[in-house]
């Protein structure tokens, strides 16, 4: 994990996550909001008035500490939540600057999200302000490592993060992959594209080298999509809808957020590459150890239809096996 990301992760909720164990009945809602960014036109209330309303949603006093310009905004305040004798920085409000056209930016970080006891009320408040959600992180924790980075790698290898036969999202890695003491992070997709999954060993990154606590965290952005306010109150459904494999981790029907641009269709070579990567060894075992001939194997598994996401123009153009195979080799 990069220094900036590690700093952000360490500032996220220190609240105790709820585990989901294989073989046990899943709770009705296990994913939770772990980050929230929203922008909205300048409201009729003052900053102090907004901070007071926020305190009601968090069920504790919240104060504002004047800060400097932030993220292109001229002014900002740091939000401080007070609980007992302790105070915790939970986010910020920023405003001002000619380029911002009067809009405000509200950001609630991990610990602040953990304090919220009325997500429906907060969603209603933001909707009444004509806000746009620009980032929402949904997190699901496995305290005992029931699912972790290694499982996520296996899921990716078999296309579990790909929709409708499309190519799997690209991955990247950060953290301690050699020793494993300080924790590893797997990124699936890119935040700049509007959606990304982080799978990371949170307990180890927080300083416990023996911890098995792993977090699956979906970061949703508003690029080419509109984040509905329901994402704040129906976390499991939108977590499950982010990537196909995530629907197996929660007990809720998946809800996908549509994009404003059509999904790119794919070619036979893309499908062939996916077939070889996930099932090439199965094909080898069938022919070499189960005694199936190539013709028998093909007839045994073939379905007489075309994949729904196949780019039909590639078929109409008279594609040949030589062309498909050459493309598949380039995808290796």
C-alpha atoms as a PDB file:
ATOM      1  CA  UNK A   1       0.000   0.000   0.000  1.00  0.00           C
ATOM      2  CA  UNK A   2       1.339   3.428  -0.916  1.00  0.00           C
ATOM      3  CA  UNK A   3       2.170   5.903   1.819  1.00  0.00           C
ATOM      4  CA  UNK A   4      -0.861   8.048   0.959  1.00  0.00           C
ATOM      5  CA  UNK A   5      -3.176   5.049   0.815  1.00  0.00           C
ATOM      6  CA  UNK A   6      -1.737   3.612   4.011  1.00  0.00           C
ATOM      7  CA  UNK A   7      -2.341   6.915   5.772  1.00  0.00           C
ATOM      8  CA  UNK A   8      -5.909   6.942   4.497  1.00  0.00           C
ATOM      9  CA  UNK A   9      -6.473   3.317   5.495  1.00  0.00           C
ATOM     10  CA  UNK A  10      -5.136   3.901   8.991  1.00  0.00           C
ATOM     11  CA  UNK A  11      -7.527   6.817   9.416  1.00  0.00           C
ATOM     12  CA  UNK A  12     -10.512   4.696   8.428  1.00  0.00           C
ATOM     13  CA  UNK A  13     -12.935   3.295  10.935  1.00  0.00           C
ATOM     14  CA  UNK A  14     -11.347   1.612  13.927  1.00  0.00           C
ATOM     15  CA  UNK A  15     -14.801   0.263  14.707  1.00  0.00           C
ATOM     16  CA  UNK A  16     -15.017  -3.489  15.170  1.00  0.00           C
ATOM     17  CA  UNK A  17     -16.152  -5.095  11.898  1.00  0.00           C
ATOM     18  CA  UNK A  18     -18.715  -7.824  11.758  1.00  0.00           C
ATOM     19  CA  UNK A  19     -17.431 -11.165  10.477  1.00  0.00           C
ATOM     20  CA  UNK A  20     -19.078 -13.483   7.977  1.00  0.00           C
ATOM     21  CA  UNK A  21     -18.100 -17.118   8.368  1.00  0.00           C
ATOM     22  CA  UNK A  22     -18.513 -19.802   5.731  1.00  0.00           C
ATOM     23  CA  UNK A  23     -21.302 -22.183   6.603  1.00  0.00           C
ATOM     24  CA  UNK A  24     -23.031 -19.753   8.937  1.00  0.00           C
ATOM     25  CA  UNK A  25     -26.171 -17.794   8.220  1.00  0.00           C
ATOM     26  CA  UNK A  26     -25.201 -14.365   6.938  1.00  0.00           C
ATOM     27  CA  UNK A  27     -26.568 -11.303   8.712  1.00  0.00           C
ATOM     28  CA  UNK A  28     -29.114  -9.256   6.822  1.00  0.00           C
ATOM     29  CA  UNK A  29     -26.618  -6.434   6.259  1.00  0.00           C
ATOM     30  CA  UNK A  30     -22.894  -6.830   6.606  1.00  0.00           C
ATOM     31  CA  UNK A  31     -21.349  -4.265   4.256  1.00  0.00           C
ATOM     32  CA  UNK A  32     -20.999  -0.703   5.522  1.00  0.00           C
ATOM     33  CA  UNK A  33     -20.157   2.745   4.192  1.00  0.00           C
ATOM     34  CA  UNK A  34     -16.513   3.546   4.892  1.00  0.00           C
ATOM     35  CA  UNK A  35     -16.052   6.783   2.940  1.00  0.00           C
ATOM     36  CA  UNK A  36     -18.373   9.428   1.533  1.00  0.00           C
ATOM     37  CA  UNK A  37     -17.757  12.447  -0.684  1.00  0.00           C
ATOM     38  CA  UNK A  38     -20.579  14.681  -1.893  1.00  0.00           C
ATOM     39  CA  UNK A  39     -20.854  18.079  -3.539  1.00  0.00           C
ATOM     40  CA  UNK A  40     -23.863  20.390  -3.503  1.00  0.00           C
ATOM     41  CA  UNK A  41     -24.818  23.994  -4.345  1.00  0.00           C
ATOM     42  CA  UNK A  42     -24.249  26.570  -1.643  1.00  0.00           C
ATOM     43  CA  UNK A  43     -27.052  25.955   0.869  1.00  0.00           C
ATOM     44  CA  UNK A  44     -29.105  28.582   2.672  1.00  0.00           C
ATOM     45  CA  UNK A  45     -27.632  27.444   5.998  1.00  0.00           C
ATOM     46  CA  UNK A  46     -24.239  28.417   7.340  1.00  0.00           C
ATOM     47  CA  UNK A  47     -21.323  26.041   7.750  1.00  0.00           C
ATOM     48  CA  UNK A  48     -22.096  25.998  11.467  1.00  0.00           C
ATOM     49  CA  UNK A  49     -25.686  25.016  10.726  1.00  0.00           C
ATOM     50  CA  UNK A  50     -24.569  22.151   8.486  1.00  0.00           C
ATOM     51  CA  UNK A  51     -22.113  20.925  11.118  1.00  0.00           C
ATOM     52  CA  UNK A  52     -24.892  20.997  13.735  1.00  0.00           C
ATOM     53  CA  UNK A  53     -27.169  18.890  11.508  1.00  0.00           C
ATOM     54  CA  UNK A  54     -24.333  16.463  10.902  1.00  0.00           C
ATOM     55  CA  UNK A  55     -23.889  16.047  14.653  1.00  0.00           C
ATOM     56  CA  UNK A  56     -27.483  14.843  14.890  1.00  0.00           C
ATOM     57  CA  UNK A  57     -26.797  12.167  12.277  1.00  0.00           C
ATOM     58  CA  UNK A  58     -23.748  11.034  14.200  1.00  0.00           C
ATOM     59  CA  UNK A  59     -25.422  11.145  17.588  1.00  0.00           C
ATOM     60  CA  UNK A  60     -22.600  13.185  19.114  1.00  0.00           C
ATOM     61  CA  UNK A  61     -21.347  16.788  19.077  1.00  0.00           C
ATOM     62  CA  UNK A  62     -19.359  17.818  16.016  1.00  0.00           C
ATOM     63  CA  UNK A  63     -17.254  20.959  15.805  1.00  0.00           C
ATOM     64  CA  UNK A  64     -15.453  22.660  12.921  1.00  0.00           C
ATOM     65  CA  UNK A  65     -11.774  23.600  12.986  1.00  0.00           C
ATOM     66  CA  UNK A  66     -10.836  26.246  10.426  1.00  0.00           C
ATOM     67  CA  UNK A  67      -8.379  25.035   7.818  1.00  0.00           C
ATOM     68  CA  UNK A  68      -6.777  26.116   4.570  1.00  0.00           C
ATOM     69  CA  UNK A  69      -7.838  25.689   0.970  1.00  0.00           C
ATOM     70  CA  UNK A  70      -8.414  22.089  -0.059  1.00  0.00           C
ATOM     71  CA  UNK A  71      -8.880  20.211  -3.355  1.00  0.00           C
ATOM     72  CA  UNK A  72      -9.250  23.415  -5.322  1.00  0.00           C
ATOM     73  CA  UNK A  73     -11.617  25.038  -2.810  1.00  0.00           C
ATOM     74  CA  UNK A  74     -10.558  28.296  -1.222  1.00  0.00           C
ATOM     75  CA  UNK A  75     -11.695  27.566   2.339  1.00  0.00           C
ATOM     76  CA  UNK A  76     -12.341  24.523   4.477  1.00  0.00           C
ATOM     77  CA  UNK A  77     -13.053  23.317   7.991  1.00  0.00           C
ATOM     78  CA  UNK A  78     -11.909  20.078   9.555  1.00  0.00           C
ATOM     79  CA  UNK A  79     -14.774  18.170  11.184  1.00  0.00           C
ATOM     80  CA  UNK A  80     -14.121  16.957  14.727  1.00  0.00           C
ATOM     81  CA  UNK A  81     -16.439  14.503  16.513  1.00  0.00           C
ATOM     82  CA  UNK A  82     -16.475  14.474  20.304  1.00  0.00           C
ATOM     83  CA  UNK A  83     -17.154  11.244  22.178  1.00  0.00           C
ATOM     84  CA  UNK A  84     -16.630  11.268  25.905  1.00  0.00           C
ATOM     85  CA  UNK A  85     -13.274  12.827  26.653  1.00  0.00           C
ATOM     86  CA  UNK A  86     -11.948  12.032  23.186  1.00  0.00           C
ATOM     87  CA  UNK A  87     -12.052  13.895  19.885  1.00  0.00           C
ATOM     88  CA  UNK A  88     -11.619  12.398  16.436  1.00  0.00           C
ATOM     89  CA  UNK A  89     -11.109  14.028  13.038  1.00  0.00           C
ATOM     90  CA  UNK A  90     -13.800  12.620  10.786  1.00  0.00           C
ATOM     91  CA  UNK A  91     -13.755  14.628   7.558  1.00  0.00           C
ATOM     92  CA  UNK A  92     -14.101  18.151   6.207  1.00  0.00           C
ATOM     93  CA  UNK A  93     -16.295  20.686   4.444  1.00  0.00           C
ATOM     94  CA  UNK A  94     -14.741  22.879   1.745  1.00  0.00           C
ATOM     95  CA  UNK A  95     -16.123  25.796  -0.274  1.00  0.00           C
ATOM     96  CA  UNK A  96     -15.132  28.949  -2.115  1.00  0.00           C
ATOM     97  CA  UNK A  97     -13.107  29.632  -5.220  1.00  0.00           C
ATOM     98  CA  UNK A  98     -14.226  30.955  -8.577  1.00  0.00           C
ATOM     99  CA  UNK A  99     -13.891  27.608 -10.320  1.00  0.00           C
ATOM    100  CA  UNK A 100     -16.260  25.927  -7.856  1.00  0.00           C
ATOM    101  CA  UNK A 101     -19.295  28.005  -8.868  1.00  0.00           C
ATOM    102  CA  UNK A 102     -20.551  28.203  -5.295  1.00  0.00           C
ATOM    103  CA  UNK A 103     -20.523  24.456  -4.683  1.00  0.00           C
ATOM    104  CA  UNK A 104     -19.514  22.865  -1.375  1.00  0.00           C
ATOM    105  CA  UNK A 105     -17.614  19.633  -0.863  1.00  0.00           C
ATOM    106  CA  UNK A 106     -18.455  17.394   2.078  1.00  0.00           C
ATOM    107  CA  UNK A 107     -16.200  14.454   2.934  1.00  0.00           C
ATOM    108  CA  UNK A 108     -16.814  11.911   5.681  1.00  0.00           C
ATOM    109  CA  UNK A 109     -13.905   9.565   6.356  1.00  0.00           C
ATOM    110  CA  UNK A 110     -13.912   6.062   7.784  1.00  0.00           C
ATOM    111  CA  UNK A 111     -14.200   6.906  11.462  1.00  0.00           C
ATOM    112  CA  UNK A 112     -16.878   9.468  10.722  1.00  0.00           C
ATOM    113  CA  UNK A 113     -18.881   6.874   8.788  1.00  0.00           C
ATOM    114  CA  UNK A 114     -18.579   4.521  11.773  1.00  0.00           C
ATOM    115  CA  UNK A 115     -20.246   7.155  13.970  1.00  0.00           C
ATOM    116  CA  UNK A 116     -23.307   7.602  11.727  1.00  0.00           C
ATOM    117  CA  UNK A 117     -26.399   6.039  13.300  1.00  0.00           C
ATOM    118  CA  UNK A 118     -28.943   7.452  10.834  1.00  0.00           C
ATOM    119  CA  UNK A 119     -27.832   6.813   7.250  1.00  0.00           C
ATOM    120  CA  UNK A 120     -31.367   7.302   5.945  1.00  0.00           C
ATOM    121  CA  UNK A 121     -31.467  10.718   7.587  1.00  0.00           C
ATOM    122  CA  UNK A 122     -28.077  11.680   6.165  1.00  0.00           C
ATOM    123  CA  UNK A 123     -29.164  10.525   2.702  1.00  0.00           C
ATOM    124  CA  UNK A 124     -32.335  12.621   3.015  1.00  0.00           C
ATOM    125  CA  UNK A 125     -30.304  15.648   4.102  1.00  0.00           C
ATOM    126  CA  UNK A 126     -27.940  15.356   1.143  1.00  0.00           C
ATOM    127  CA  UNK A 127     -30.812  14.818  -1.275  1.00  0.00           C
ATOM    128  CA  UNK A 128     -32.577  17.917   0.092  1.00  0.00           C
ATOM    129  CA  UNK A 129     -29.382  19.876  -0.639  1.00  0.00           C
ATOM    130  CA  UNK A 130     -29.433  18.656  -4.253  1.00  0.00           C
ATOM    131  CA  UNK A 131     -26.145  16.891  -3.595  1.00  0.00           C
ATOM    132  CA  UNK A 132     -24.255  14.620  -5.936  1.00  0.00           C
ATOM    133  CA  UNK A 133     -22.433  11.654  -4.449  1.00  0.00           C
ATOM    134  CA  UNK A 134     -18.963  11.665  -5.981  1.00  0.00           C
ATOM    135  CA  UNK A 135     -17.406   8.830  -3.987  1.00  0.00           C
ATOM    136  CA  UNK A 136     -18.797   6.111  -1.742  1.00  0.00           C
ATOM    137  CA  UNK A 137     -16.705   3.248  -0.360  1.00  0.00           C
ATOM    138  CA  UNK A 138     -18.511   0.075   0.727  1.00  0.00           C
ATOM    139  CA  UNK A 139     -16.510  -2.279   2.941  1.00  0.00           C
ATOM    140  CA  UNK A 140     -16.989  -5.879   4.010  1.00  0.00           C
ATOM    141  CA  UNK A 141     -14.717  -7.339   6.699  1.00  0.00           C
ATOM    142  CA  UNK A 142     -13.580 -10.894   7.387  1.00  0.00           C
ATOM    143  CA  UNK A 143     -12.000 -10.954  10.817  1.00  0.00           C
ATOM    144  CA  UNK A 144     -10.705 -14.507  10.607  1.00  0.00           C
ATOM    145  CA  UNK A 145      -9.540 -14.421   7.009  1.00  0.00           C
ATOM    146  CA  UNK A 146     -12.488 -16.422   5.665  1.00  0.00           C
ATOM    147  CA  UNK A 147     -11.889 -14.563   2.430  1.00  0.00           C
ATOM    148  CA  UNK A 148      -8.631 -12.778   1.777  1.00  0.00           C
ATOM    149  CA  UNK A 149      -6.158 -11.584  -0.813  1.00  0.00           C
ATOM    150  CA  UNK A 150      -5.336 -15.098  -2.022  1.00  0.00           C
ATOM    151  CA  UNK A 151      -9.010 -15.923  -2.560  1.00  0.00           C
ATOM    152  CA  UNK A 152      -9.425 -12.653  -4.435  1.00  0.00           C
ATOM    153  CA  UNK A 153      -6.536 -13.595  -6.718  1.00  0.00           C
ATOM    154  CA  UNK A 154      -8.194 -16.948  -7.453  1.00  0.00           C
ATOM    155  CA  UNK A 155     -11.490 -15.216  -8.167  1.00  0.00           C
ATOM    156  CA  UNK A 156      -9.790 -12.840 -10.587  1.00  0.00           C
ATOM    157  CA  UNK A 157      -7.959 -15.675 -12.354  1.00  0.00           C
ATOM    158  CA  UNK A 158     -11.287 -17.335 -13.151  1.00  0.00           C
ATOM    159  CA  UNK A 159     -13.015 -14.152 -14.295  1.00  0.00           C
ATOM    160  CA  UNK A 160     -15.129 -13.634 -11.199  1.00  0.00           C
ATOM    161  CA  UNK A 161     -14.722  -9.862 -11.400  1.00  0.00           C
ATOM    162  CA  UNK A 162     -15.793  -9.660 -15.062  1.00  0.00           C
ATOM    163  CA  UNK A 163     -19.336  -8.975 -16.252  1.00  0.00           C
ATOM    164  CA  UNK A 164     -21.077 -10.802 -19.077  1.00  0.00           C
ATOM    165  CA  UNK A 165     -17.991 -12.494 -20.477  1.00  0.00           C
ATOM    166  CA  UNK A 166     -15.965  -9.293 -20.762  1.00  0.00           C
ATOM    167  CA  UNK A 167     -12.273  -9.225 -20.037  1.00  0.00           C
ATOM    168  CA  UNK A 168     -11.424  -9.140 -16.342  1.00  0.00           C
ATOM    169  CA  UNK A 169     -10.490  -5.721 -14.917  1.00  0.00           C
ATOM    170  CA  UNK A 170      -6.801  -5.004 -14.646  1.00  0.00           C
ATOM    171  CA  UNK A 171      -5.117  -5.493 -11.306  1.00  0.00           C
ATOM    172  CA  UNK A 172      -2.287  -3.839  -9.409  1.00  0.00           C
ATOM    173  CA  UNK A 173      -0.519  -4.614  -6.169  1.00  0.00           C
ATOM    174  CA  UNK A 174       0.864  -2.732  -3.174  1.00  0.00           C
ATOM    175  CA  UNK A 175       2.125  -3.542   0.279  1.00  0.00           C
ATOM    176  CA  UNK A 176       4.326  -6.232   1.750  1.00  0.00           C
ATOM    177  CA  UNK A 177       4.138  -9.100  -0.758  1.00  0.00           C
ATOM    178  CA  UNK A 178       7.563 -10.543   0.135  1.00  0.00           C
ATOM    179  CA  UNK A 179       7.371 -10.922   3.904  1.00  0.00           C
ATOM    180  CA  UNK A 180       3.625 -10.486   4.416  1.00  0.00           C
ATOM    181  CA  UNK A 181       4.154  -8.871   7.809  1.00  0.00           C
ATOM    182  CA  UNK A 182       2.787  -5.422   7.027  1.00  0.00           C
ATOM    183  CA  UNK A 183      -0.047  -6.623   4.826  1.00  0.00           C
ATOM    184  CA  UNK A 184      -0.772  -6.932   1.129  1.00  0.00           C
ATOM    185  CA  UNK A 185      -3.224  -5.025  -1.062  1.00  0.00           C
ATOM    186  CA  UNK A 186      -4.799  -6.145  -4.331  1.00  0.00           C
ATOM    187  CA  UNK A 187      -6.507  -3.534  -6.513  1.00  0.00           C
ATOM    188  CA  UNK A 188      -9.066  -4.638  -9.102  1.00  0.00           C
ATOM    189  CA  UNK A 189     -10.021  -1.974 -11.620  1.00  0.00           C
ATOM    190  CA  UNK A 190      -9.158   1.714 -11.364  1.00  0.00           C
ATOM    191  CA  UNK A 191     -10.762   4.422  -9.261  1.00  0.00           C
ATOM    192  CA  UNK A 192     -10.307   6.860 -12.159  1.00  0.00           C
ATOM    193  CA  UNK A 193     -12.728   4.715 -14.200  1.00  0.00           C
ATOM    194  CA  UNK A 194     -15.453   5.043 -11.585  1.00  0.00           C
ATOM    195  CA  UNK A 195     -15.157   1.707  -9.779  1.00  0.00           C
ATOM    196  CA  UNK A 196     -12.392  -0.163  -7.999  1.00  0.00           C
ATOM    197  CA  UNK A 197     -12.101  -3.016  -5.517  1.00  0.00           C
ATOM    198  CA  UNK A 198      -9.424  -3.013  -2.824  1.00  0.00           C
ATOM    199  CA  UNK A 199      -8.737  -6.267  -1.012  1.00  0.00           C
ATOM    200  CA  UNK A 200      -6.256  -5.708   1.781  1.00  0.00           C
ATOM    201  CA  UNK A 201      -4.980  -7.218   4.989  1.00  0.00           C
ATOM    202  CA  UNK A 202      -6.257  -4.469   7.218  1.00  0.00           C
ATOM    203  CA  UNK A 203      -5.235  -5.946  10.562  1.00  0.00           C
ATOM    204  CA  UNK A 204      -1.601  -6.273   9.503  1.00  0.00           C
ATOM    205  CA  UNK A 205      -1.592  -2.824   7.967  1.00  0.00           C
ATOM    206  CA  UNK A 206      -2.803  -1.482  11.304  1.00  0.00           C
ATOM    207  CA  UNK A 207       0.212  -3.057  13.022  1.00  0.00           C
ATOM    208  CA  UNK A 208      -0.750  -6.619  14.000  1.00  0.00           C
ATOM    209  CA  UNK A 209       1.507  -8.995  12.012  1.00  0.00           C
ATOM    210  CA  UNK A 210      -0.544 -12.024  13.073  1.00  0.00           C
ATOM    211  CA  UNK A 211      -3.951 -10.625  12.189  1.00  0.00           C
ATOM    212  CA  UNK A 212      -6.104 -12.454   9.640  1.00  0.00           C
ATOM    213  CA  UNK A 213      -8.499  -9.503   9.290  1.00  0.00           C
ATOM    214  CA  UNK A 214      -9.043  -8.817   5.596  1.00  0.00           C
ATOM    215  CA  UNK A 215     -11.266  -6.179   4.036  1.00  0.00           C
ATOM    216  CA  UNK A 216     -12.997  -6.191   0.661  1.00  0.00           C
ATOM    217  CA  UNK A 217     -13.708  -2.552  -0.157  1.00  0.00           C
ATOM    218  CA  UNK A 218     -15.490  -1.258  -3.242  1.00  0.00           C
ATOM    219  CA  UNK A 219     -14.785   2.361  -4.161  1.00  0.00           C
ATOM    220  CA  UNK A 220     -17.578   3.796  -6.297  1.00  0.00           C
ATOM    221  CA  UNK A 221     -17.125   7.064  -8.159  1.00  0.00           C
ATOM    222  CA  UNK A 222     -19.404   9.204 -10.300  1.00  0.00           C
ATOM    223  CA  UNK A 223     -17.480   8.985 -13.553  1.00  0.00           C
ATOM    224  CA  UNK A 224     -19.941   7.947 -16.280  1.00  0.00           C
ATOM    225  CA  UNK A 225     -22.539   7.055 -13.651  1.00  0.00           C
ATOM    226  CA  UNK A 226     -24.835   8.603 -11.068  1.00  0.00           C
ATOM    227  CA  UNK A 227     -24.480   7.202  -7.564  1.00  0.00           C
ATOM    228  CA  UNK A 228     -27.989   6.858  -6.079  1.00  0.00           C
ATOM    229  CA  UNK A 229     -28.617   7.863  -2.486  1.00  0.00           C
ATOM    230  CA  UNK A 230     -29.783   4.285  -1.836  1.00  0.00           C
ATOM    231  CA  UNK A 231     -26.141   3.232  -1.931  1.00  0.00           C
ATOM    232  CA  UNK A 232     -25.873   4.691   1.583  1.00  0.00           C
ATOM    233  CA  UNK A 233     -28.736   2.616   2.970  1.00  0.00           C
ATOM    234  CA  UNK A 234     -28.673  -0.569   0.866  1.00  0.00           C
ATOM    235  CA  UNK A 235     -24.970  -1.284   1.168  1.00  0.00           C
ATOM    236  CA  UNK A 236     -25.092  -5.058   0.679  1.00  0.00           C
ATOM    237  CA  UNK A 237     -27.004  -4.827  -2.583  1.00  0.00           C
ATOM    238  CA  UNK A 238     -24.680  -2.282  -4.180  1.00  0.00           C
ATOM    239  CA  UNK A 239     -21.606  -4.058  -2.822  1.00  0.00           C
ATOM    240  CA  UNK A 240     -22.866  -7.283  -4.408  1.00  0.00           C
ATOM    241  CA  UNK A 241     -23.610  -5.500  -7.670  1.00  0.00           C
ATOM    242  CA  UNK A 242     -20.149  -4.011  -8.078  1.00  0.00           C
ATOM    243  CA  UNK A 243     -18.558  -7.262  -9.310  1.00  0.00           C
ATOM    244  CA  UNK A 244     -20.206 -10.672  -9.934  1.00  0.00           C
ATOM    245  CA  UNK A 245     -18.152 -12.607  -7.361  1.00  0.00           C
ATOM    246  CA  UNK A 246     -19.040 -10.186  -4.565  1.00  0.00           C
ATOM    247  CA  UNK A 247     -22.660 -11.360  -4.676  1.00  0.00           C
ATOM    248  CA  UNK A 248     -21.459 -14.617  -3.082  1.00  0.00           C
ATOM    249  CA  UNK A 249     -20.166 -12.752  -0.028  1.00  0.00           C
ATOM    250  CA  UNK A 250     -23.409 -11.116   1.115  1.00  0.00           C
ATOM    251  CA  UNK A 251     -26.981 -12.279   1.536  1.00  0.00           C
ATOM    252  CA  UNK A 252     -28.639  -9.702  -0.687  1.00  0.00           C
ATOM    253  CA  UNK A 253     -29.763  -9.429  -4.302  1.00  0.00           C
ATOM    254  CA  UNK A 254     -27.231  -7.443  -6.314  1.00  0.00           C
ATOM    255  CA  UNK A 255     -28.004  -3.946  -7.566  1.00  0.00           C
ATOM    256  CA  UNK A 256     -25.804  -2.606 -10.350  1.00  0.00           C
ATOM    257  CA  UNK A 257     -25.245   1.074 -11.011  1.00  0.00           C
ATOM    258  CA  UNK A 258     -25.666   1.651 -14.745  1.00  0.00           C
ATOM    259  CA  UNK A 259     -23.057   3.605 -16.657  1.00  0.00           C
ATOM    260  CA  UNK A 260     -23.922   6.389 -19.059  1.00  0.00           C
ATOM    261  CA  UNK A 261     -21.844   4.899 -21.865  1.00  0.00           C
ATOM    262  CA  UNK A 262     -22.516   1.496 -23.443  1.00  0.00           C
ATOM    263  CA  UNK A 263     -20.272  -1.361 -22.392  1.00  0.00           C
ATOM    264  CA  UNK A 264     -17.734  -2.238 -25.046  1.00  0.00           C
ATOM    265  CA  UNK A 265     -18.558  -5.477 -26.824  1.00  0.00           C
ATOM    266  CA  UNK A 266     -15.895  -8.136 -26.991  1.00  0.00           C
ATOM    267  CA  UNK A 267     -14.361 -10.350 -29.647  1.00  0.00           C
ATOM    268  CA  UNK A 268     -13.970 -14.093 -30.057  1.00  0.00           C
ATOM    269  CA  UNK A 269     -10.288 -13.737 -29.176  1.00  0.00           C
ATOM    270  CA  UNK A 270     -11.146 -12.152 -25.841  1.00  0.00           C
ATOM    271  CA  UNK A 271     -13.523 -15.011 -25.043  1.00  0.00           C
ATOM    272  CA  UNK A 272     -10.985 -17.584 -26.179  1.00  0.00           C
ATOM    273  CA  UNK A 273      -8.315 -16.045 -23.968  1.00  0.00           C
ATOM    274  CA  UNK A 274     -10.685 -16.186 -21.013  1.00  0.00           C
ATOM    275  CA  UNK A 275     -11.581 -19.805 -21.809  1.00  0.00           C
ATOM    276  CA  UNK A 276      -7.932 -20.867 -21.943  1.00  0.00           C
ATOM    277  CA  UNK A 277      -6.948 -19.059 -18.763  1.00  0.00           C
ATOM    278  CA  UNK A 278      -9.735 -20.501 -16.628  1.00  0.00           C
ATOM    279  CA  UNK A 279     -10.462 -23.870 -18.219  1.00  0.00           C
ATOM    280  CA  UNK A 280      -7.385 -24.797 -20.252  1.00  0.00           C
ATOM    281  CA  UNK A 281      -6.201 -27.231 -17.572  1.00  0.00           C
ATOM    282  CA  UNK A 282      -9.653 -28.801 -17.389  1.00  0.00           C
ATOM    283  CA  UNK A 283      -9.590 -29.413 -21.132  1.00  0.00           C
ATOM    284  CA  UNK A 284      -6.148 -30.993 -20.805  1.00  0.00           C
ATOM    285  CA  UNK A 285      -7.338 -33.307 -18.031  1.00  0.00           C
ATOM    286  CA  UNK A 286     -10.405 -34.365 -20.014  1.00  0.00           C
ATOM    287  CA  UNK A 287      -8.388 -35.323 -23.080  1.00  0.00           C
ATOM    288  CA  UNK A 288      -5.239 -36.710 -21.486  1.00  0.00           C
ATOM    289  CA  UNK A 289      -6.610 -38.456 -18.401  1.00  0.00           C
ATOM    290  CA  UNK A 290     -10.323 -39.028 -19.015  1.00  0.00           C
ATOM    291  CA  UNK A 291      -9.786 -40.324 -22.559  1.00  0.00           C
ATOM    292  CA  UNK A 292     -12.067 -37.838 -24.328  1.00  0.00           C
ATOM    293  CA  UNK A 293     -11.266 -37.106 -27.938  1.00  0.00           C
ATOM    294  CA  UNK A 294     -11.158 -33.488 -29.007  1.00  0.00           C
ATOM    295  CA  UNK A 295     -14.381 -33.927 -30.958  1.00  0.00           C
ATOM    296  CA  UNK A 296     -16.126 -35.627 -28.023  1.00  0.00           C
ATOM    297  CA  UNK A 297     -15.051 -32.915 -25.624  1.00  0.00           C
ATOM    298  CA  UNK A 298     -16.250 -30.127 -27.902  1.00  0.00           C
ATOM    299  CA  UNK A 299     -19.607 -31.781 -28.512  1.00  0.00           C
ATOM    300  CA  UNK A 300     -19.954 -32.489 -24.800  1.00  0.00           C
ATOM    301  CA  UNK A 301     -19.600 -28.867 -23.696  1.00  0.00           C
ATOM    302  CA  UNK A 302     -20.760 -26.872 -26.723  1.00  0.00           C
ATOM    303  CA  UNK A 303     -23.987 -24.862 -26.618  1.00  0.00           C
ATOM    304  CA  UNK A 304     -25.434 -23.951 -30.010  1.00  0.00           C
ATOM    305  CA  UNK A 305     -25.753 -20.201 -29.493  1.00  0.00           C
ATOM    306  CA  UNK A 306     -23.625 -17.052 -29.550  1.00  0.00           C
ATOM    307  CA  UNK A 307     -22.413 -15.261 -26.387  1.00  0.00           C
ATOM    308  CA  UNK A 308     -24.619 -12.257 -25.708  1.00  0.00           C
ATOM    309  CA  UNK A 309     -21.654  -9.870 -25.398  1.00  0.00           C
ATOM    310  CA  UNK A 310     -19.901 -11.063 -28.541  1.00  0.00           C
ATOM    311  CA  UNK A 311     -19.230  -8.333 -31.097  1.00  0.00           C
ATOM    312  CA  UNK A 312     -21.292  -9.683 -33.969  1.00  0.00           C
ATOM    313  CA  UNK A 313     -19.524  -7.437 -36.459  1.00  0.00           C
ATOM    314  CA  UNK A 314     -16.413  -9.565 -35.960  1.00  0.00           C
ATOM    315  CA  UNK A 315     -18.411 -12.599 -37.098  1.00  0.00           C
ATOM    316  CA  UNK A 316     -19.986 -10.810 -40.058  1.00  0.00           C
ATOM    317  CA  UNK A 317     -16.551  -9.689 -41.209  1.00  0.00           C
ATOM    318  CA  UNK A 318     -15.547 -13.314 -41.796  1.00  0.00           C
ATOM    319  CA  UNK A 319     -13.202 -13.892 -38.882  1.00  0.00           C
ATOM    320  CA  UNK A 320     -10.903 -16.914 -39.148  1.00  0.00           C
ATOM    321  CA  UNK A 321      -9.400 -19.191 -36.517  1.00  0.00           C
ATOM    322  CA  UNK A 322      -5.931 -17.983 -37.525  1.00  0.00           C
ATOM    323  CA  UNK A 323      -6.959 -14.398 -36.739  1.00  0.00           C
ATOM    324  CA  UNK A 324      -8.545 -15.399 -33.441  1.00  0.00           C
ATOM    325  CA  UNK A 325      -5.550 -17.483 -32.369  1.00  0.00           C
ATOM    326  CA  UNK A 326      -3.091 -14.720 -33.233  1.00  0.00           C
ATOM    327  CA  UNK A 327      -5.061 -12.266 -31.133  1.00  0.00           C
ATOM    328  CA  UNK A 328      -5.254 -14.732 -28.265  1.00  0.00           C
ATOM    329  CA  UNK A 329      -1.463 -15.086 -28.293  1.00  0.00           C
ATOM    330  CA  UNK A 330      -1.095 -11.322 -27.968  1.00  0.00           C
ATOM    331  CA  UNK A 331      -3.401 -11.360 -24.953  1.00  0.00           C
ATOM    332  CA  UNK A 332      -1.177 -13.854 -23.106  1.00  0.00           C
END
